[in-house]
Amino acid sequence: MAAGTGGALAEPWDFGNTTETIKTIPQDLFAELCEQIIRYLQCQIPAVNTIELCQRFQAAGIKIAASDLAKVVNAISFVFSTAAKNELSSEELSTKLSGAAGGLPKQAIQVIRHVWSEQGSSLTAAEDAKHMVAVGQLIDFQWKLGMAVSSDNCKSLKSPYVTIAMKVADASGRITSKTFEMTVSQFQNFYSQFKEMASILETV
């Protein structure tokens, strides 16, 4: 979505090809998607699970790729966060959406306006509504200890290592998995830093 930076209101929003994806989503499912996005922005849920939603859409006979749905989530997140930062009324938001490039469907505008009218005030009233930043969130963290059984370097055979698996939700709510390995010394350093963080938090 090429909508400018910082949620600027001076120029028309441009939803680009995302509009075509939005057109394929039934009104009730789009409303549910918008409500999930609001809850995500309110930090009530860790992420908008686009993969799960995509599976539900496909079960309902709607052919949509997870990557395309993620773009819709990103676009609507932009709309709601910008509306919150600028304290837009539902009428002002509707007007802004109607003037957007890309021809956003009227039904979609009505849904966004309704959801914003019902739940937008709580987002706008949040203390940090004007200071939202695009940060990710840690969803899951797992680790396991392993033993190297083959290596180009014979010295590393039978050396223990730690595998870290994390699930992270980015600013749009899309969940990605990251896996990496650490030597025991690296993990011990990693642990000591977290222990130091925990000690500092106890004094807050």
Protein backbone atom coordinates (compact mmCIF):
# COMPACT_ATOMS: atom_id res chain seq x y z
CA MET A 1 0.00 0.00 0.00
CA ALA A 2 1.56 3.29 -1.09
CA ALA A 3 -0.12 5.60 1.35
CA GLY A 4 2.75 7.85 2.27
CA THR A 5 4.66 7.93 5.55
CA GLY A 6 3.52 8.72 9.05
CA GLY A 7 -0.16 8.39 8.14
CA ALA A 8 -0.18 11.78 6.38
CA LEU A 9 -3.65 13.03 5.45
CA ALA A 10 -2.56 15.57 2.86
CA GLU A 11 -2.50 13.14 -0.06
CA PRO A 12 -5.09 10.54 -1.15
CA TRP A 13 -4.54 7.03 0.13
CA ASP A 14 -3.66 4.48 -2.52
CA PHE A 15 -4.63 0.87 -1.83
CA GLY A 16 -3.29 -0.36 -5.18
CA ASN A 17 -3.92 -4.02 -6.01
CA THR A 18 -5.06 -4.67 -2.44
CA THR A 19 -8.46 -3.31 -3.48
CA GLU A 20 -8.99 -6.30 -5.76
CA THR A 21 -8.35 -8.69 -2.87
CA ILE A 22 -10.75 -6.78 -0.61
CA LYS A 23 -13.46 -7.07 -3.27
CA THR A 24 -13.34 -10.88 -3.01
CA ILE A 25 -13.96 -10.92 0.76
CA PRO A 26 -17.62 -11.18 1.87
CA GLN A 27 -18.87 -8.36 4.07
CA ASP A 28 -19.25 -10.47 7.23
CA LEU A 29 -15.76 -11.95 6.98
CA PHE A 30 -14.28 -8.54 6.21
CA ALA A 31 -15.98 -7.15 9.31
CA GLU A 32 -14.46 -9.94 11.40
CA LEU A 33 -11.05 -9.19 9.91
CA CYS A 34 -11.38 -5.49 10.76
CA GLU A 35 -12.41 -6.31 14.32
CA GLN A 36 -9.37 -8.55 14.74
CA ILE A 37 -7.12 -5.76 13.48
CA ILE A 38 -8.63 -3.33 16.00
CA ARG A 39 -8.04 -5.86 18.79
CA TYR A 40 -4.44 -6.31 17.59
CA LEU A 41 -3.83 -2.55 17.62
CA GLN A 42 -5.29 -2.42 21.14
CA CYS A 43 -2.80 -5.16 22.13
CA GLN A 44 -5.68 -7.46 23.11
CA ILE A 45 -4.31 -10.20 20.84
CA PRO A 46 -0.64 -10.79 19.90
CA ALA A 47 -1.26 -10.88 16.15
CA VAL A 48 -3.74 -11.21 13.33
CA ASN A 49 -3.28 -14.81 12.23
CA THR A 50 -3.48 -14.41 8.46
CA ILE A 51 -2.73 -18.08 7.81
CA GLU A 52 -5.68 -19.24 9.92
CA LEU A 53 -7.96 -16.61 8.39
CA CYS A 54 -6.84 -17.60 4.91
CA GLN A 55 -7.76 -21.21 5.62
CA ARG A 56 -11.19 -20.15 6.83
CA PHE A 57 -11.73 -18.02 3.74
CA GLN A 58 -10.72 -20.89 1.49
CA ALA A 59 -13.09 -23.21 3.38
CA ALA A 60 -15.84 -20.73 2.57
CA GLY A 61 -14.96 -20.98 -1.11
CA ILE A 62 -12.92 -17.80 -1.32
CA LYS A 63 -9.65 -18.24 -3.18
CA ILE A 64 -7.11 -15.94 -1.54
CA ALA A 65 -3.39 -16.29 -0.92
CA ALA A 66 -1.99 -15.74 2.58
CA SER A 67 0.41 -13.13 1.17
CA ASP A 68 -2.49 -11.17 -0.35
CA LEU A 69 -4.47 -11.35 2.88
CA ALA A 70 -1.41 -10.09 4.77
CA LYS A 71 -1.39 -7.04 2.48
CA VAL A 72 -5.04 -6.39 3.34
CA VAL A 73 -4.23 -6.63 7.06
CA ASN A 74 -1.34 -4.22 6.59
CA ALA A 75 -3.52 -1.75 4.68
CA ILE A 76 -6.41 -1.79 7.17
CA SER A 77 -3.97 -1.57 10.09
CA PHE A 78 -2.59 1.57 8.44
CA VAL A 79 -6.12 2.97 8.10
CA PHE A 80 -7.07 2.40 11.73
CA SER A 81 -3.75 3.52 13.23
CA THR A 82 -3.78 6.67 11.09
CA ALA A 83 -7.37 7.39 12.10
CA ALA A 84 -6.38 6.98 15.75
CA LYS A 85 -3.32 9.21 15.47
CA ASN A 86 -5.36 11.96 13.80
CA GLU A 87 -8.49 11.40 15.95
CA LEU A 88 -10.71 11.07 12.89
CA SER A 89 -14.46 10.73 13.31
CA SER A 90 -16.26 7.93 11.46
CA GLU A 91 -17.53 10.50 8.95
CA GLU A 92 -14.03 11.90 8.35
CA LEU A 93 -12.63 8.40 7.93
CA SER A 94 -15.39 7.48 5.49
CA THR A 95 -14.69 10.60 3.43
CA LYS A 96 -10.98 9.84 3.38
CA LEU A 97 -11.61 6.25 2.25
CA SER A 98 -14.06 7.37 -0.45
CA GLY A 99 -11.38 9.58 -1.94
CA ALA A 100 -8.73 6.86 -1.90
CA ALA A 101 -7.09 5.80 -5.14
CA GLY A 102 -7.80 2.25 -6.21
CA GLY A 103 -11.58 2.38 -5.89
CA LEU A 104 -12.20 0.82 -2.48
CA PRO A 105 -15.62 -0.95 -2.57
CA LYS A 106 -18.49 0.94 -0.90
CA GLN A 107 -19.36 -2.13 1.19
CA ALA A 108 -15.81 -2.26 2.52
CA ILE A 109 -15.93 1.45 3.39
CA GLN A 110 -19.22 0.88 5.23
CA VAL A 111 -17.70 -1.98 7.22
CA ILE A 112 -14.59 0.01 8.14
CA ARG A 113 -16.74 2.99 9.13
CA HIS A 114 -19.02 0.81 11.28
CA VAL A 115 -16.14 -0.94 13.06
CA TRP A 116 -14.41 2.40 13.64
CA SER A 117 -17.63 3.94 14.93
CA GLU A 118 -18.14 1.06 17.37
CA GLN A 119 -14.57 0.47 18.56
CA GLY A 120 -12.37 3.28 17.30
CA SER A 121 -12.87 5.52 20.32
CA SER A 122 -11.07 3.09 22.62
CA LEU A 123 -8.12 3.01 20.24
CA THR A 124 -8.01 6.80 19.93
CA ALA A 125 -8.31 7.20 23.69
CA ALA A 126 -5.34 4.93 24.35
CA GLU A 127 -2.50 6.84 25.93
CA ASP A 128 -0.06 5.84 23.21
CA ALA A 129 -2.45 6.07 20.25
CA LYS A 130 -0.48 8.95 18.76
CA HIS A 131 2.82 7.15 19.25
CA MET A 132 2.15 3.76 17.67
CA VAL A 133 5.29 2.24 16.26
CA ALA A 134 5.70 -0.66 13.88
CA VAL A 135 7.22 -3.21 16.22
CA GLY A 136 6.90 -6.96 16.21
CA GLN A 137 5.87 -9.20 19.09
CA LEU A 138 7.28 -12.49 20.32
CA ILE A 139 4.56 -15.15 20.12
CA ASP A 140 6.45 -18.29 21.10
CA PHE A 141 9.97 -19.21 22.22
CA GLN A 142 11.33 -22.77 22.44
CA TRP A 143 14.78 -24.29 22.77
CA LYS A 144 16.35 -27.74 22.83
CA LEU A 145 19.80 -29.15 23.44
CA GLY A 146 21.43 -31.26 20.73
CA MET A 147 24.72 -32.97 19.98
CA ALA A 148 26.68 -32.59 16.74
CA VAL A 149 27.18 -35.99 15.07
CA SER A 150 28.83 -34.81 11.84
CA SER A 151 31.04 -31.90 10.94
CA ASP A 152 33.74 -30.72 8.55
CA ASN A 153 35.79 -30.05 11.65
CA CYS A 154 36.47 -33.21 13.69
CA LYS A 155 36.97 -31.12 16.81
CA SER A 156 33.30 -30.13 16.76
CA LEU A 157 32.03 -33.73 16.72
CA LYS A 158 29.92 -34.61 19.76
CA SER A 159 29.88 -30.95 20.72
CA PRO A 160 26.61 -29.80 22.33
CA TYR A 161 24.59 -27.02 20.73
CA VAL A 162 21.28 -25.27 21.40
CA THR A 163 18.52 -24.87 18.81
CA ILE A 164 16.26 -21.84 19.27
CA ALA A 165 12.81 -21.69 17.64
CA MET A 166 10.80 -18.46 17.77
CA LYS A 167 7.51 -17.28 16.36
CA VAL A 168 7.30 -13.53 15.79
CA ALA A 169 4.38 -11.36 14.70
CA ASP A 170 5.40 -8.37 12.61
CA ALA A 171 3.68 -4.98 12.63
CA SER A 172 1.01 -6.18 10.19
CA GLY A 173 0.21 -9.16 12.39
CA ARG A 174 1.75 -11.76 10.10
CA ILE A 175 3.37 -14.60 12.05
CA THR A 176 6.74 -15.95 10.92
CA SER A 177 8.94 -18.67 12.40
CA LYS A 178 12.67 -18.28 12.96
CA THR A 179 15.04 -21.13 13.87
CA PHE A 180 18.78 -20.88 14.55
CA GLU A 181 21.55 -22.72 16.39
CA MET A 182 23.92 -21.47 19.08
CA THR A 183 27.00 -22.95 20.71
CA VAL A 184 26.80 -23.53 24.44
CA SER A 185 29.00 -20.49 25.09
CA GLN A 186 26.79 -18.32 22.88
CA PHE A 187 23.69 -19.56 24.69
CA GLN A 188 25.28 -18.89 28.07
CA ASN A 189 25.98 -15.31 26.98
CA PHE A 190 22.43 -15.07 25.67
CA TYR A 191 21.11 -16.32 29.03
CA SER A 192 23.27 -13.94 31.06
CA GLN A 193 21.87 -10.96 29.12
CA PHE A 194 18.29 -12.06 29.79
CA LYS A 195 19.17 -12.64 33.46
CA GLU A 196 20.52 -9.09 33.63
CA MET A 197 17.33 -7.78 32.02
CA ALA A 198 15.21 -9.69 34.55
CA SER A 199 17.23 -8.22 37.44
CA ILE A 200 16.68 -4.69 36.13
CA LEU A 201 12.95 -5.29 35.68
CA GLU A 202 12.66 -6.40 39.31
CA THR A 203 13.78 -2.91 40.37
CA VAL A 204 11.21 -1.12 38.23
